[in-house]
Amino acid sequence: MNLKKHLSDPIFKTVSIAASDMNQDVYAVGGFVRDILLGKDSKDLDFVTVGSGISLAKSVASKLGPKTKLSVFKNFGTAMVKSRDLELEFVGARKESYRKDSRKPIVEDGTLEDDQNRRDFTINAMAISLNPNNYGELVDPFGGIKDLKGKVIRTPLDPEITFSDDPLRMMRAIRFAAQLKFDIEPDTFEGITKMVDRIEIVSKERIAGELNKIILSDKPSYGFKLLFFSGLLKKIFPEMVDLQGVQTINDKSHKDNFYHTLQVLDNISENTDDLWLRWAAILHDIAKPATKRFNKKIGWTFHGHEDKGARMVPGIFRRMKLPMNEHMRFVQKLVRLHLRPIALVKDHITDSAIRRLLFEAGEDTEALMTLCRADITSKNHNKVQRYLQNFDKVERRMVEVEEKDKIRNFQPVITGEMIMETFDLSPGREIGEIKEALKEAVLEGKIRNEISEARDFMLKLGREKGLKVVKE
């Protein structure tokens, strides 16, 4: 098969000429080849040359002109050329061998065949020749194009060797299956199940990177089911595995919270590409196993799982090397608040309750409501529609109260400094008590968050506490 028509960008001729001048063979490889055969655009171009990849990159950069940026990674024997909106990575063909305790290979110069042998999957092991004698010819020793057509993820060599050499490939197999909606070939999947213990030598950061790509796929539940049935999920995210299963006592059962979580994740993924909102869906019920209790009268309960779950979020993020910043705090907030809108689904919703939710959710109110809608997973269609209509009602009330009271993210107009000046107080517990009472008065609708009403209320509080007013 000749793919010359896919090499219309002049960059390929430039690479071809530079390699020919150096008497080196060169090939476009990997994801670029896979993507063009899938009809996708690719801005990241990988090239393998039988010779020095760094020398070839320098030659290509000089031919492309002064605006081209060259980055050399001598320790890895690779170089990156940035030209226009393209990134070109060059590496010399190599063969690799691995030690049992490390993902870092022992690298030697090799042939194109050696280089293709070390690739992770057949669909990533294809190459396109850029050499004058067979320019555009597909080099596909492992049947990658057949697997693309069959929508199959398969290792080029024995799966156990492939996954033992670089255990991150197990995560990558599942990530590609999830992203491309492919199946994992049975022997390849069995290889994952046999090699799961090897994932322990992979850094948490690399695992999290692949897991996040699975979470961002169109239907992430597929990737999570592969992780679960392969045994990888228990290794990398045991708290999620603990959600799986149904327990029955006295003919009373609870739902399988693992599959419920996957449904919530798929539901939310239809409405948002926000990685951290998807993480909130994954973690919203994470504390149900820890809070599960059986009551003879009412059956199974999970009281306080939202608060317990919120407390678990930082530990999970820290262990998995996810960012301990505003993203973690966003997920934690949504886990803590995810039941609150459901509690407001009543005929008589007080403005006070709405104010409190708006105040606590703040700028994340819309995200919270998106999560709550995704959390409705009953098989009873009428029940789902009834809940969603009730959420519509809550959201309308939220809009009304927000327009009237401007409560979202509000800051009390009375500051701690103003309280200290008014009553000649030093910093201490009383300041916090007065500030909290002022906040509660605003949320309860007793006063508006305006200086005159708030000041009058502060003076009243002070008198009740026996404080002396020194500055009206």
Protein backbone atom coordinates (compact mmCIF):
# COMPACT_ATOMS: atom_id res chain seq x y z
CA MET A 1 0.00 0.00 0.00
CA ASN A 2 1.34 3.43 -0.98
CA LEU A 3 0.29 6.39 1.18
CA LYS A 4 2.02 9.13 -0.83
CA LYS A 5 -1.23 11.09 -1.06
CA HIS A 6 -1.13 11.56 2.73
CA LEU A 7 2.33 13.14 2.53
CA SER A 8 1.30 16.32 0.73
CA ASP A 9 2.82 18.64 3.35
CA PRO A 10 6.25 19.77 2.05
CA ILE A 11 7.73 18.96 5.44
CA PHE A 12 7.93 15.27 4.43
CA LYS A 13 9.99 16.06 1.31
CA THR A 14 12.29 18.21 3.43
CA VAL A 15 12.87 15.31 5.84
CA SER A 16 13.34 12.91 2.94
CA ILE A 17 15.96 15.13 1.24
CA ALA A 18 17.83 15.77 4.51
CA ALA A 19 18.05 12.02 5.22
CA SER A 20 19.06 11.23 1.64
CA ASP A 21 21.85 13.84 1.82
CA MET A 22 23.15 12.07 4.93
CA ASN A 23 22.75 8.63 3.34
CA GLN A 24 20.28 7.58 6.04
CA ASP A 25 16.93 5.83 5.65
CA VAL A 26 14.00 7.59 7.34
CA TYR A 27 10.39 6.66 8.09
CA ALA A 28 7.29 8.37 9.48
CA VAL A 29 6.08 6.14 12.30
CA GLY A 30 3.65 5.58 15.16
CA GLY A 31 0.60 7.67 15.93
CA PHE A 32 0.85 9.75 12.74
CA VAL A 33 0.53 6.64 10.57
CA ARG A 34 -2.30 5.26 12.68
CA ASP A 35 -4.21 8.54 12.64
CA ILE A 36 -4.03 9.15 8.88
CA LEU A 37 -5.32 5.62 8.29
CA LEU A 38 -8.18 6.43 10.68
CA GLY A 39 -8.86 9.66 8.77
CA LYS A 40 -7.68 11.90 11.62
CA ASP A 41 -5.40 14.94 11.49
CA SER A 42 -2.11 14.71 13.35
CA LYS A 43 0.15 17.64 14.25
CA ASP A 44 2.73 15.48 16.05
CA LEU A 45 5.02 13.74 13.58
CA ASP A 46 7.46 11.01 14.69
CA PHE A 47 10.37 9.98 12.47
CA VAL A 48 12.72 7.01 12.84
CA THR A 49 16.01 7.04 10.97
CA VAL A 50 18.58 4.29 10.66
CA GLY A 51 21.40 6.43 12.00
CA SER A 52 21.56 9.53 14.20
CA GLY A 53 18.17 11.07 14.90
CA ILE A 54 19.78 14.16 16.41
CA SER A 55 21.96 14.80 13.36
CA LEU A 56 18.98 14.41 11.05
CA ALA A 57 16.90 16.80 13.17
CA LYS A 58 19.67 19.43 12.98
CA SER A 59 19.81 19.08 9.20
CA VAL A 60 16.01 19.36 8.86
CA ALA A 61 15.93 22.43 11.15
CA SER A 62 18.58 24.18 9.06
CA LYS A 63 16.62 23.50 5.87
CA LEU A 64 13.38 24.83 7.36
CA GLY A 65 14.87 28.25 8.11
CA PRO A 66 15.56 30.61 11.01
CA LYS A 67 12.08 30.54 12.59
CA THR A 68 12.39 26.82 13.27
CA LYS A 69 13.01 25.77 16.88
CA LEU A 70 15.31 22.82 17.61
CA SER A 71 15.44 21.01 20.97
CA VAL A 72 18.00 18.24 21.52
CA PHE A 73 17.60 15.57 24.23
CA LYS A 74 21.05 14.01 24.14
CA ASN A 75 20.45 11.58 27.01
CA PHE A 76 17.53 10.04 25.11
CA GLY A 77 19.07 10.28 21.65
CA THR A 78 16.09 12.27 20.41
CA ALA A 79 15.45 15.77 19.06
CA MET A 80 12.36 17.91 18.51
CA VAL A 81 11.85 20.35 15.64
CA LYS A 82 8.99 22.87 15.85
CA SER A 83 7.93 24.42 12.57
CA ARG A 84 4.66 26.29 12.00
CA ASP A 85 2.06 24.38 14.05
CA LEU A 86 3.87 21.06 13.67
CA GLU A 87 6.09 19.17 16.11
CA LEU A 88 8.59 16.77 14.52
CA GLU A 89 10.34 14.25 16.75
CA PHE A 90 13.40 12.40 15.48
CA VAL A 91 15.01 9.28 16.93
CA GLY A 92 17.51 6.77 15.65
CA ALA A 93 16.21 3.23 15.10
CA ARG A 94 16.98 1.19 18.17
CA LYS A 95 16.46 -2.07 19.95
CA GLU A 96 15.74 -2.29 23.64
CA SER A 97 16.16 -4.73 26.49
CA TYR A 98 14.76 -4.32 29.99
CA ARG A 99 15.72 -5.10 33.57
CA LYS A 100 13.00 -6.64 35.72
CA ASP A 101 12.87 -3.76 38.21
CA SER A 102 12.75 -0.84 35.78
CA ARG A 103 10.78 0.59 32.85
CA LYS A 104 13.98 2.23 31.59
CA PRO A 105 15.41 0.12 28.76
CA ILE A 106 18.99 -0.63 27.80
CA VAL A 107 19.13 0.92 24.33
CA GLU A 108 21.31 -0.06 21.36
CA ASP A 109 21.36 1.12 17.75
CA GLY A 110 19.14 -1.04 15.59
CA THR A 111 17.30 -1.50 12.34
CA LEU A 112 13.78 -0.41 11.38
CA GLU A 113 12.69 -3.98 12.17
CA ASP A 114 14.22 -3.70 15.67
CA ASP A 115 12.41 -0.41 16.18
CA GLN A 116 9.05 -1.80 15.10
CA ASN A 117 9.54 -4.83 17.37
CA ARG A 118 9.80 -2.55 20.42
CA ARG A 119 6.51 -0.74 19.69
CA ASP A 120 3.58 -1.27 22.03
CA PHE A 121 0.75 -2.26 19.65
CA THR A 122 0.43 -3.34 16.04
CA ILE A 123 -1.57 -0.21 15.19
CA ASN A 124 1.38 1.88 16.43
CA ALA A 125 4.07 -0.25 14.78
CA MET A 126 3.43 0.82 11.19
CA ALA A 127 5.85 3.02 9.25
CA ILE A 128 5.75 4.99 6.00
CA SER A 129 8.96 5.12 3.98
CA LEU A 130 10.27 8.57 3.07
CA ASN A 131 13.15 7.11 1.06
CA PRO A 132 13.41 7.94 -2.69
CA ASN A 133 13.25 4.32 -3.86
CA ASN A 134 9.89 3.54 -2.17
CA TYR A 135 8.54 6.90 -1.01
CA GLY A 136 5.07 6.53 0.60
CA GLU A 137 5.20 2.72 0.96
CA LEU A 138 3.58 1.33 4.14
CA VAL A 139 5.84 -0.97 6.19
CA ASP A 140 3.49 -3.08 8.31
CA PRO A 141 5.15 -6.29 9.56
CA PHE A 142 2.55 -7.11 12.25
CA GLY A 143 -0.73 -6.53 10.41
CA GLY A 144 -1.50 -3.19 11.99
CA ILE A 145 -3.76 -2.10 9.16
CA LYS A 146 -5.79 -5.30 9.55
CA ASP A 147 -6.17 -4.59 13.28
CA LEU A 148 -7.21 -1.02 12.53
CA LYS A 149 -9.96 -2.31 10.25
CA GLY A 150 -10.94 -4.95 12.80
CA LYS A 151 -10.83 -2.38 15.64
CA VAL A 152 -8.46 -4.50 17.70
CA ILE A 153 -5.66 -3.64 20.14
CA ARG A 154 -2.91 -6.27 19.90
CA THR A 155 0.75 -6.39 20.91
CA PRO A 156 3.27 -7.04 18.10
CA LEU A 157 5.18 -9.60 20.17
CA ASP A 158 4.22 -11.90 23.06
CA PRO A 159 1.91 -9.81 25.32
CA GLU A 160 3.57 -10.94 28.54
CA ILE A 161 6.98 -9.85 27.27
CA THR A 162 5.59 -6.55 25.96
CA PHE A 163 3.85 -5.73 29.26
CA SER A 164 6.66 -7.01 31.47
CA ASP A 165 9.16 -4.84 29.60
CA ASP A 166 7.06 -1.69 29.99
CA PRO A 167 4.05 -2.17 32.29
CA LEU A 168 2.61 1.26 31.43
CA ARG A 169 1.63 -0.35 28.11
CA MET A 170 -1.16 -2.16 30.00
CA MET A 171 -2.72 1.21 30.82
CA ARG A 172 -2.07 2.41 27.28
CA ALA A 173 -3.83 -0.65 25.82
CA ILE A 174 -6.96 0.20 27.79
CA ARG A 175 -6.62 3.90 27.03
CA PHE A 176 -6.43 3.26 23.26
CA ALA A 177 -9.36 0.84 23.48
CA ALA A 178 -11.41 3.51 25.28
CA GLN A 179 -10.41 6.38 22.99
CA LEU A 180 -10.78 4.47 19.71
CA LYS A 181 -13.70 2.26 20.83
CA PHE A 182 -11.62 -0.83 19.96
CA ASP A 183 -11.57 -4.29 21.53
CA ILE A 184 -8.46 -5.70 23.19
CA GLU A 185 -7.49 -8.97 21.51
CA PRO A 186 -8.05 -11.90 23.95
CA ASP A 187 -4.40 -13.01 24.30
CA THR A 188 -3.36 -9.38 24.79
CA PHE A 189 -5.99 -8.89 27.51
CA GLU A 190 -4.95 -12.13 29.19
CA GLY A 191 -1.39 -10.82 29.14
CA ILE A 192 -2.58 -7.78 31.10
CA THR A 193 -4.31 -9.95 33.70
CA LYS A 194 -1.10 -11.96 34.20
CA MET A 195 1.17 -8.92 34.40
CA VAL A 196 -0.91 -6.61 36.66
CA ASP A 197 1.63 -6.78 39.50
CA ARG A 198 4.22 -5.18 37.21
CA ILE A 199 2.27 -1.90 37.28
CA GLU A 200 3.83 -1.30 40.70
CA ILE A 201 7.15 -0.21 39.13
CA VAL A 202 5.43 2.54 37.11
CA SER A 203 5.37 6.05 38.57
CA LYS A 204 2.06 7.31 39.91
CA GLU A 205 2.30 10.35 37.62
CA ARG A 206 2.47 8.21 34.48
CA ILE A 207 -0.45 6.05 35.64
CA ALA A 208 -2.52 9.16 36.42
CA GLY A 209 -1.75 10.55 32.97
CA GLU A 210 -3.17 7.45 31.26
CA LEU A 211 -6.12 7.25 33.67
CA ASN A 212 -7.06 10.86 32.93
CA LYS A 213 -7.04 10.12 29.20
CA ILE A 214 -9.42 7.20 29.84
CA ILE A 215 -11.66 9.49 31.90
CA LEU A 216 -11.72 12.01 29.02
CA SER A 217 -12.82 9.41 26.43
CA ASP A 218 -16.34 9.64 25.01
CA LYS A 219 -17.65 6.76 27.14
CA PRO A 220 -15.22 6.31 30.03
CA SER A 221 -17.16 3.44 31.62
CA TYR A 222 -15.76 1.14 28.91
CA GLY A 223 -12.18 1.86 29.96
CA PHE A 224 -13.02 1.46 33.65
CA LYS A 225 -14.65 -1.92 33.03
CA LEU A 226 -11.48 -3.06 31.24
CA LEU A 227 -9.40 -1.78 34.17
CA PHE A 228 -11.71 -3.60 36.59
CA PHE A 229 -11.83 -6.97 34.85
CA SER A 230 -8.10 -6.96 34.11
CA GLY A 231 -7.29 -6.42 37.79
CA LEU A 232 -5.47 -3.14 37.16
CA LEU A 233 -8.12 -1.02 38.89
CA LYS A 234 -7.58 -2.83 42.19
CA LYS A 235 -3.88 -2.00 41.93
CA ILE A 236 -4.21 1.68 41.07
CA PHE A 237 -7.56 2.71 42.59
CA PRO A 238 -8.74 0.18 45.23
CA GLU A 239 -11.35 2.56 46.68
CA MET A 240 -13.29 2.38 43.42
CA VAL A 241 -13.18 -1.44 43.37
CA ASP A 242 -14.61 -1.42 46.91
CA LEU A 243 -17.80 0.11 45.47
CA GLN A 244 -18.53 -3.06 43.50
CA GLY A 245 -21.02 -5.65 44.68
CA VAL A 246 -24.53 -6.00 46.08
CA GLN A 247 -25.32 -7.17 49.61
CA THR A 248 -28.72 -8.55 50.61
CA ILE A 249 -30.14 -8.95 54.13
CA ASN A 250 -33.78 -9.88 54.82
CA ASP A 251 -34.56 -9.56 51.10
CA LYS A 252 -33.33 -5.96 51.14
CA SER A 253 -30.51 -5.11 48.72
CA HIS A 254 -28.60 -1.97 47.83
CA LYS A 255 -27.58 -1.09 44.28
CA ASP A 256 -24.12 -1.88 42.93
CA ASN A 257 -22.39 1.44 43.55
CA PHE A 258 -19.54 0.66 41.16
CA TYR A 259 -21.83 0.35 38.16
CA HIS A 260 -23.92 3.25 39.40
CA THR A 261 -20.76 5.39 39.48
CA LEU A 262 -19.88 4.36 35.93
CA GLN A 263 -23.36 5.33 34.77
CA VAL A 264 -23.04 8.73 36.47
CA LEU A 265 -19.63 9.18 34.81
CA ASP A 266 -21.05 8.37 31.37
CA ASN A 267 -24.05 10.65 32.02
CA ILE A 268 -21.88 13.60 32.98
CA SER A 269 -19.50 12.94 30.07
CA GLU A 270 -22.36 13.59 27.66
CA ASN A 271 -22.54 17.15 29.01
CA THR A 272 -18.98 18.17 29.85
CA ASP A 273 -15.36 17.62 28.83
CA ASP A 274 -14.16 19.03 32.16
CA LEU A 275 -11.77 16.45 33.60
CA TRP A 276 -12.33 17.54 37.20
CA LEU A 277 -16.11 17.51 36.93
CA ARG A 278 -15.76 13.96 35.63
CA TRP A 279 -13.53 13.18 38.63
CA ALA A 280 -16.29 14.52 40.90
CA ALA A 281 -18.65 12.01 39.29
CA ILE A 282 -16.16 9.20 39.96
CA LEU A 283 -15.72 10.16 43.62
CA HIS A 284 -19.21 11.35 44.57
CA ASP A 285 -20.12 8.03 46.27
CA ILE A 286 -16.59 6.86 47.10
CA ALA A 287 -17.34 6.68 50.85
CA LYS A 288 -20.43 4.48 50.57
CA PRO A 289 -18.55 1.28 51.51
CA ALA A 290 -17.21 3.00 54.65
CA THR A 291 -20.62 4.35 55.68
CA LYS A 292 -22.81 1.37 54.75
CA ARG A 293 -25.14 0.25 57.54
CA PHE A 294 -28.19 -2.03 57.68
CA ASN A 295 -31.33 -0.94 59.53
CA LYS A 296 -34.05 -3.56 60.01
CA LYS A 297 -36.82 -1.03 59.40
CA ILE A 298 -35.51 0.96 56.45
CA GLY A 299 -32.83 -1.29 54.95
CA TRP A 300 -29.43 -0.06 53.77
CA THR A 301 -28.19 3.43 54.62
CA PHE A 302 -25.08 5.42 53.72
CA HIS A 303 -25.50 8.34 56.11
CA GLY A 304 -22.76 10.95 55.89
CA HIS A 305 -21.09 9.44 52.83
CA GLU A 306 -20.89 12.89 51.23
CA ASP A 307 -18.89 14.34 54.14
CA LYS A 308 -16.74 11.23 54.56
CA GLY A 309 -16.15 11.20 50.79
CA ALA A 310 -15.06 14.84 50.82
CA ARG A 311 -12.54 13.99 53.55
CA MET A 312 -11.22 11.09 51.44
CA VAL A 313 -10.63 13.19 48.32
CA PRO A 314 -7.29 14.80 49.37
CA GLY A 315 -5.80 11.43 50.33
CA ILE A 316 -6.81 9.85 47.03
CA PHE A 317 -5.47 12.79 45.03
CA ARG A 318 -2.20 12.78 46.99
CA ARG A 319 -1.62 9.05 46.57
CA MET A 320 -2.45 9.11 42.86
CA LYS A 321 -0.25 12.18 42.31
CA LEU A 322 -3.17 14.26 41.09
CA PRO A 323 -2.86 18.03 41.63
CA MET A 324 -3.32 19.21 45.21
CA ASN A 325 -4.66 22.60 44.13
CA GLU A 326 -7.92 24.25 43.12
CA HIS A 327 -8.83 21.16 41.05
CA MET A 328 -8.74 18.95 44.14
CA ARG A 329 -10.72 21.54 46.13
CA PHE A 330 -13.33 21.74 43.35
CA VAL A 331 -13.81 17.94 43.39
CA GLN A 332 -13.93 17.92 47.19
CA LYS A 333 -16.58 20.65 47.24
CA LEU A 334 -18.81 18.84 44.74
CA VAL A 335 -18.51 15.52 46.60
CA ARG A 336 -19.48 17.27 49.85
CA LEU A 337 -22.46 19.10 48.31
CA HIS A 338 -23.78 16.52 45.83
CA LEU A 339 -26.79 15.55 47.97
CA ARG A 340 -27.83 19.08 48.85
CA PRO A 341 -29.88 19.92 45.72
CA ILE A 342 -31.72 16.61 46.08
CA ALA A 343 -32.74 17.65 49.60
CA LEU A 344 -34.27 20.82 48.08
CA VAL A 345 -36.60 18.89 45.77
CA LYS A 346 -39.74 19.75 47.72
CA ASP A 347 -42.90 21.74 47.04
CA HIS A 348 -41.98 24.36 49.65
CA ILE A 349 -38.36 25.34 49.27
CA THR A 350 -37.35 28.15 51.61
CA ASP A 351 -35.30 31.05 50.31
CA SER A 352 -32.94 30.41 53.22
CA ALA A 353 -32.12 26.90 52.01
CA ILE A 354 -31.53 28.19 48.48
CA ARG A 355 -29.31 31.00 49.79
CA ARG A 356 -27.19 28.54 51.76
CA LEU A 357 -26.66 26.30 48.74
CA LEU A 358 -25.77 29.25 46.51
CA PHE A 359 -23.36 30.55 49.15
CA GLU A 360 -21.61 27.19 49.63
CA ALA A 361 -21.49 26.21 45.95
CA GLY A 362 -20.56 29.72 44.80
CA GLU A 363 -19.13 29.84 41.30
CA ASP A 364 -19.42 26.03 41.05
CA THR A 365 -23.23 26.00 41.30
CA GLU A 366 -23.75 25.04 37.64
CA ALA A 367 -21.17 22.26 37.91
CA LEU A 368 -22.91 20.94 41.03
CA MET A 369 -26.28 20.85 39.28
CA THR A 370 -24.70 19.06 36.29
CA LEU A 371 -23.38 16.40 38.69
CA CYS A 372 -26.74 16.08 40.44
CA ARG A 373 -28.57 15.56 37.15
CA ALA A 374 -26.03 12.91 36.11
CA ASP A 375 -26.58 11.17 39.47
CA ILE A 376 -30.16 10.22 38.56
CA THR A 377 -29.71 6.67 37.24
CA SER A 378 -32.96 4.85 38.00
CA LYS A 379 -34.16 2.29 35.44
CA ASN A 380 -37.61 3.80 35.92
CA HIS A 381 -37.80 6.43 33.16
CA ASN A 382 -40.76 8.23 34.75
CA LYS A 383 -38.89 8.53 38.04
CA VAL A 384 -35.86 10.00 36.27
CA GLN A 385 -38.02 12.55 34.45
CA ARG A 386 -39.77 13.47 37.69
CA TYR A 387 -36.45 14.12 39.43
CA LEU A 388 -35.10 16.14 36.51
CA GLN A 389 -38.25 18.29 36.48
CA ASN A 390 -37.81 18.89 40.20
CA PHE A 391 -34.22 19.99 39.55
CA ASP A 392 -35.59 22.41 36.93
CA LYS A 393 -37.77 23.86 39.69
CA VAL A 394 -34.80 24.19 42.08
CA GLU A 395 -32.70 25.89 39.40
CA ARG A 396 -35.48 28.39 38.65
CA ARG A 397 -35.64 29.25 42.35
CA MET A 398 -31.86 29.61 42.43
CA VAL A 399 -32.02 32.16 39.63
CA GLU A 400 -34.79 34.09 41.40
CA VAL A 401 -33.00 34.19 44.76
CA GLU A 402 -29.65 35.07 43.20
CA GLU A 403 -31.15 37.95 41.23
CA LYS A 404 -32.82 39.24 44.39
CA ASP A 405 -30.09 38.70 46.99
CA LYS A 406 -26.81 38.40 45.01
CA ILE A 407 -25.75 35.75 47.50
CA ARG A 408 -23.37 33.69 45.38
CA ASN A 409 -19.78 34.26 46.56
CA PHE A 410 -20.94 37.16 48.71
CA GLN A 411 -18.56 38.80 51.17
CA PRO A 412 -20.05 40.36 54.33
CA VAL A 413 -19.90 44.17 54.15
CA ILE A 414 -18.84 44.28 57.82
CA THR A 415 -15.18 43.31 58.16
CA GLY A 416 -13.28 42.15 61.21
CA GLU A 417 -11.44 45.48 61.31
CA MET A 418 -14.76 47.36 61.45
CA ILE A 419 -15.94 45.20 64.36
CA MET A 420 -12.69 45.80 66.29
CA GLU A 421 -12.87 49.58 65.73
CA THR A 422 -16.55 49.75 66.75
CA PHE A 423 -16.10 47.91 70.05
CA ASP A 424 -12.38 48.58 70.66
CA LEU A 425 -11.61 44.86 70.56
CA SER A 426 -8.37 42.99 69.94
CA PRO A 427 -8.33 40.01 67.54
CA GLY A 428 -10.05 37.06 69.19
CA ARG A 429 -13.01 34.69 69.38
CA GLU A 430 -15.67 37.41 69.72
CA ILE A 431 -14.78 38.88 66.32
CA GLY A 432 -15.39 35.52 64.65
CA GLU A 433 -18.68 35.03 66.51
CA ILE A 434 -20.02 38.41 65.37
CA LYS A 435 -18.91 37.80 61.76
CA GLU A 436 -20.57 34.37 61.77
CA ALA A 437 -23.80 35.81 63.22
CA LEU A 438 -23.82 38.51 60.50
CA LYS A 439 -23.35 35.87 57.79
CA GLU A 440 -26.14 33.72 59.22
CA ALA A 441 -28.48 36.75 59.38
CA VAL A 442 -27.89 37.42 55.68
CA LEU A 443 -28.39 33.76 54.71
CA GLU A 444 -31.57 33.54 56.80
CA GLY A 445 -32.92 36.68 55.14
CA LYS A 446 -33.09 38.66 58.41
CA ILE A 447 -30.98 41.45 56.93
CA ARG A 448 -29.66 42.43 53.53
CA ASN A 449 -25.94 42.47 52.96
CA GLU A 450 -25.91 46.27 52.94
CA ILE A 451 -23.86 48.50 55.23
CA SER A 452 -26.70 50.23 57.08
CA GLU A 453 -28.68 47.07 57.95
CA ALA A 454 -25.55 45.07 58.70
CA ARG A 455 -24.14 47.81 60.96
CA ASP A 456 -27.37 48.10 62.91
CA PHE A 457 -27.39 44.33 63.37
CA MET A 458 -23.75 44.36 64.50
CA LEU A 459 -24.48 47.05 67.11
CA LYS A 460 -27.43 45.02 68.37
CA LEU A 461 -25.23 41.93 68.69
CA GLY A 462 -22.59 43.91 70.54
CA ARG A 463 -25.06 45.27 73.06
CA GLU A 464 -26.42 41.78 73.67
CA LYS A 465 -22.86 40.67 74.43
CA GLY A 466 -22.34 43.63 76.76
CA LEU A 467 -19.75 45.26 74.51
CA LYS A 468 -19.12 49.00 74.70
CA VAL A 469 -19.54 50.96 71.48
CA VAL A 470 -16.62 53.37 71.07
CA LYS A 471 -17.22 54.33 67.44
CA GLU A 472 -20.72 54.62 65.97
